């Protein structure tokens, strides 16, 4: 058996541009919503209705090299409306949004 690599004569060779990759990452902002409605960004308690304003203060939308990530950890008993509002607020503030999921 003979195995060989064939060059495709229809492929045009080009030189791709070289670029530096951004290796730094931003730490995720953690939003926690407890079953009684208490809301936190990190360890700081905030008013739920001020979530968008609080996230906007923390997210630098001018830095386009890395999109800030927001992780939302919400108790399973909060309303879908509050969860959707939290997701929307984070997205409007310019973040990539992730839901924290408990695998238990």
C-alpha atoms as a PDB file:
ATOM      1  CA  UNK A   1       0.000   0.000   0.000  1.00  0.00           C
ATOM      2  CA  UNK A   2       1.316   3.442  -0.921  1.00  0.00           C
ATOM      3  CA  UNK A   3       0.153   6.480   1.006  1.00  0.00           C
ATOM      4  CA  UNK A   4       0.973   9.948  -0.198  1.00  0.00           C
ATOM      5  CA  UNK A   5      -0.165  13.508   0.219  1.00  0.00           C
ATOM      6  CA  UNK A   6      -1.324  15.131  -2.943  1.00  0.00           C
ATOM      7  CA  UNK A   7      -1.112  18.856  -3.505  1.00  0.00           C
ATOM      8  CA  UNK A   8      -4.279  20.350  -4.891  1.00  0.00           C
ATOM      9  CA  UNK A   9      -3.306  22.275  -8.051  1.00  0.00           C
ATOM     10  CA  UNK A  10      -6.457  24.412  -7.752  1.00  0.00           C
ATOM     11  CA  UNK A  11      -5.455  25.974  -4.427  1.00  0.00           C
ATOM     12  CA  UNK A  12      -3.973  29.450  -4.603  1.00  0.00           C
ATOM     13  CA  UNK A  13      -1.265  30.115  -2.070  1.00  0.00           C
ATOM     14  CA  UNK A  14      -1.634  33.301  -0.093  1.00  0.00           C
ATOM     15  CA  UNK A  15       0.225  34.831   2.796  1.00  0.00           C
ATOM     16  CA  UNK A  16      -2.126  35.380   5.690  1.00  0.00           C
ATOM     17  CA  UNK A  17      -1.720  38.523   7.790  1.00  0.00           C
ATOM     18  CA  UNK A  18      -0.045  38.106  11.132  1.00  0.00           C
ATOM     19  CA  UNK A  19      -1.557  39.594  14.225  1.00  0.00           C
ATOM     20  CA  UNK A  20      -1.033  39.537  17.931  1.00  0.00           C
ATOM     21  CA  UNK A  21      -3.697  37.749  19.895  1.00  0.00           C
ATOM     22  CA  UNK A  22      -5.020  39.284  23.046  1.00  0.00           C
ATOM     23  CA  UNK A  23      -4.207  36.846  25.817  1.00  0.00           C
ATOM     24  CA  UNK A  24      -5.503  38.820  28.769  1.00  0.00           C
ATOM     25  CA  UNK A  25      -8.990  38.189  30.014  1.00  0.00           C
ATOM     26  CA  UNK A  26     -11.366  40.187  32.107  1.00  0.00           C
ATOM     27  CA  UNK A  27     -12.690  38.640  35.241  1.00  0.00           C
ATOM     28  CA  UNK A  28     -16.387  37.860  35.061  1.00  0.00           C
ATOM     29  CA  UNK A  29     -18.847  40.018  36.943  1.00  0.00           C
ATOM     30  CA  UNK A  30     -21.009  37.794  39.127  1.00  0.00           C
ATOM     31  CA  UNK A  31     -24.645  38.770  39.688  1.00  0.00           C
ATOM     32  CA  UNK A  32     -26.510  36.766  42.326  1.00  0.00           C
ATOM     33  CA  UNK A  33     -30.266  36.927  42.828  1.00  0.00           C
ATOM     34  CA  UNK A  34     -31.570  35.244  45.975  1.00  0.00           C
ATOM     35  CA  UNK A  35     -35.062  33.787  46.370  1.00  0.00           C
ATOM     36  CA  UNK A  36     -36.135  36.756  48.508  1.00  0.00           C
ATOM     37  CA  UNK A  37     -35.102  39.134  45.692  1.00  0.00           C
ATOM     38  CA  UNK A  38     -31.900  40.414  47.270  1.00  0.00           C
ATOM     39  CA  UNK A  39     -29.492  41.112  44.435  1.00  0.00           C
ATOM     40  CA  UNK A  40     -25.703  41.289  44.541  1.00  0.00           C
ATOM     41  CA  UNK A  41     -22.902  42.223  42.196  1.00  0.00           C
ATOM     42  CA  UNK A  42     -20.001  40.327  43.646  1.00  0.00           C
ATOM     43  CA  UNK A  43     -20.422  40.824  47.409  1.00  0.00           C
ATOM     44  CA  UNK A  44     -22.128  44.226  47.111  1.00  0.00           C
ATOM     45  CA  UNK A  45     -25.889  44.255  47.610  1.00  0.00           C
ATOM     46  CA  UNK A  46     -27.757  46.439  45.128  1.00  0.00           C
ATOM     47  CA  UNK A  47     -31.376  47.280  44.385  1.00  0.00           C
ATOM     48  CA  UNK A  48     -32.632  44.897  41.682  1.00  0.00           C
ATOM     49  CA  UNK A  49     -34.140  47.716  39.620  1.00  0.00           C
ATOM     50  CA  UNK A  50     -30.733  49.443  39.462  1.00  0.00           C
ATOM     51  CA  UNK A  51     -28.972  46.412  37.939  1.00  0.00           C
ATOM     52  CA  UNK A  52     -28.508  47.996  34.496  1.00  0.00           C
ATOM     53  CA  UNK A  53     -27.058  51.213  35.952  1.00  0.00           C
ATOM     54  CA  UNK A  54     -24.732  49.300  38.282  1.00  0.00           C
ATOM     55  CA  UNK A  55     -23.480  47.008  35.511  1.00  0.00           C
ATOM     56  CA  UNK A  56     -22.978  49.964  33.169  1.00  0.00           C
ATOM     57  CA  UNK A  57     -20.597  51.491  35.727  1.00  0.00           C
ATOM     58  CA  UNK A  58     -18.511  48.309  35.794  1.00  0.00           C
ATOM     59  CA  UNK A  59     -18.402  47.386  32.104  1.00  0.00           C
ATOM     60  CA  UNK A  60     -15.943  49.189  29.847  1.00  0.00           C
ATOM     61  CA  UNK A  61     -17.623  49.119  26.434  1.00  0.00           C
ATOM     62  CA  UNK A  62     -14.784  51.190  24.945  1.00  0.00           C
ATOM     63  CA  UNK A  63     -12.427  48.228  25.311  1.00  0.00           C
ATOM     64  CA  UNK A  64     -13.471  46.183  22.280  1.00  0.00           C
ATOM     65  CA  UNK A  65     -10.625  43.653  22.498  1.00  0.00           C
ATOM     66  CA  UNK A  66     -12.441  41.558  25.093  1.00  0.00           C
ATOM     67  CA  UNK A  67     -16.143  41.559  25.871  1.00  0.00           C
ATOM     68  CA  UNK A  68     -16.863  41.648  29.596  1.00  0.00           C
ATOM     69  CA  UNK A  69     -18.690  38.579  30.830  1.00  0.00           C
ATOM     70  CA  UNK A  70     -21.535  38.641  33.360  1.00  0.00           C
ATOM     71  CA  UNK A  71     -22.539  35.418  35.098  1.00  0.00           C
ATOM     72  CA  UNK A  72     -26.015  35.417  36.595  1.00  0.00           C
ATOM     73  CA  UNK A  73     -26.566  33.042  39.506  1.00  0.00           C
ATOM     74  CA  UNK A  74     -30.272  33.081  40.265  1.00  0.00           C
ATOM     75  CA  UNK A  75     -32.259  31.067  42.752  1.00  0.00           C
ATOM     76  CA  UNK A  76     -34.645  28.655  41.040  1.00  0.00           C
ATOM     77  CA  UNK A  77     -37.629  30.270  42.746  1.00  0.00           C
ATOM     78  CA  UNK A  78     -37.231  33.765  41.237  1.00  0.00           C
ATOM     79  CA  UNK A  79     -39.730  34.719  38.554  1.00  0.00           C
ATOM     80  CA  UNK A  80     -38.881  34.300  34.894  1.00  0.00           C
ATOM     81  CA  UNK A  81     -39.651  37.988  34.446  1.00  0.00           C
ATOM     82  CA  UNK A  82     -36.877  38.942  36.877  1.00  0.00           C
ATOM     83  CA  UNK A  83     -34.461  36.516  35.248  1.00  0.00           C
ATOM     84  CA  UNK A  84     -35.236  37.869  31.765  1.00  0.00           C
ATOM     85  CA  UNK A  85     -34.876  41.439  33.055  1.00  0.00           C
ATOM     86  CA  UNK A  86     -31.476  40.618  34.588  1.00  0.00           C
ATOM     87  CA  UNK A  87     -30.305  38.983  31.346  1.00  0.00           C
ATOM     88  CA  UNK A  88     -31.533  41.959  29.324  1.00  0.00           C
ATOM     89  CA  UNK A  89     -29.923  44.497  31.661  1.00  0.00           C
ATOM     90  CA  UNK A  90     -26.560  42.744  31.390  1.00  0.00           C
ATOM     91  CA  UNK A  91     -26.816  42.524  27.606  1.00  0.00           C
ATOM     92  CA  UNK A  92     -27.833  46.213  27.286  1.00  0.00           C
ATOM     93  CA  UNK A  93     -24.878  47.156  29.473  1.00  0.00           C
ATOM     94  CA  UNK A  94     -22.608  45.558  26.855  1.00  0.00           C
ATOM     95  CA  UNK A  95     -21.756  42.222  28.418  1.00  0.00           C
ATOM     96  CA  UNK A  96     -21.656  38.659  27.233  1.00  0.00           C
ATOM     97  CA  UNK A  97     -24.103  36.854  29.509  1.00  0.00           C
ATOM     98  CA  UNK A  98     -23.871  33.414  31.071  1.00  0.00           C
ATOM     99  CA  UNK A  99     -26.208  31.677  33.471  1.00  0.00           C
ATOM    100  CA  UNK A 100     -24.678  30.016  36.485  1.00  0.00           C
ATOM    101  CA  UNK A 101     -26.044  26.490  36.661  1.00  0.00           C
ATOM    102  CA  UNK A 102     -25.921  24.228  39.683  1.00  0.00           C
ATOM    103  CA  UNK A 103     -25.408  20.660  38.477  1.00  0.00           C
ATOM    104  CA  UNK A 104     -26.924  19.115  41.626  1.00  0.00           C
END
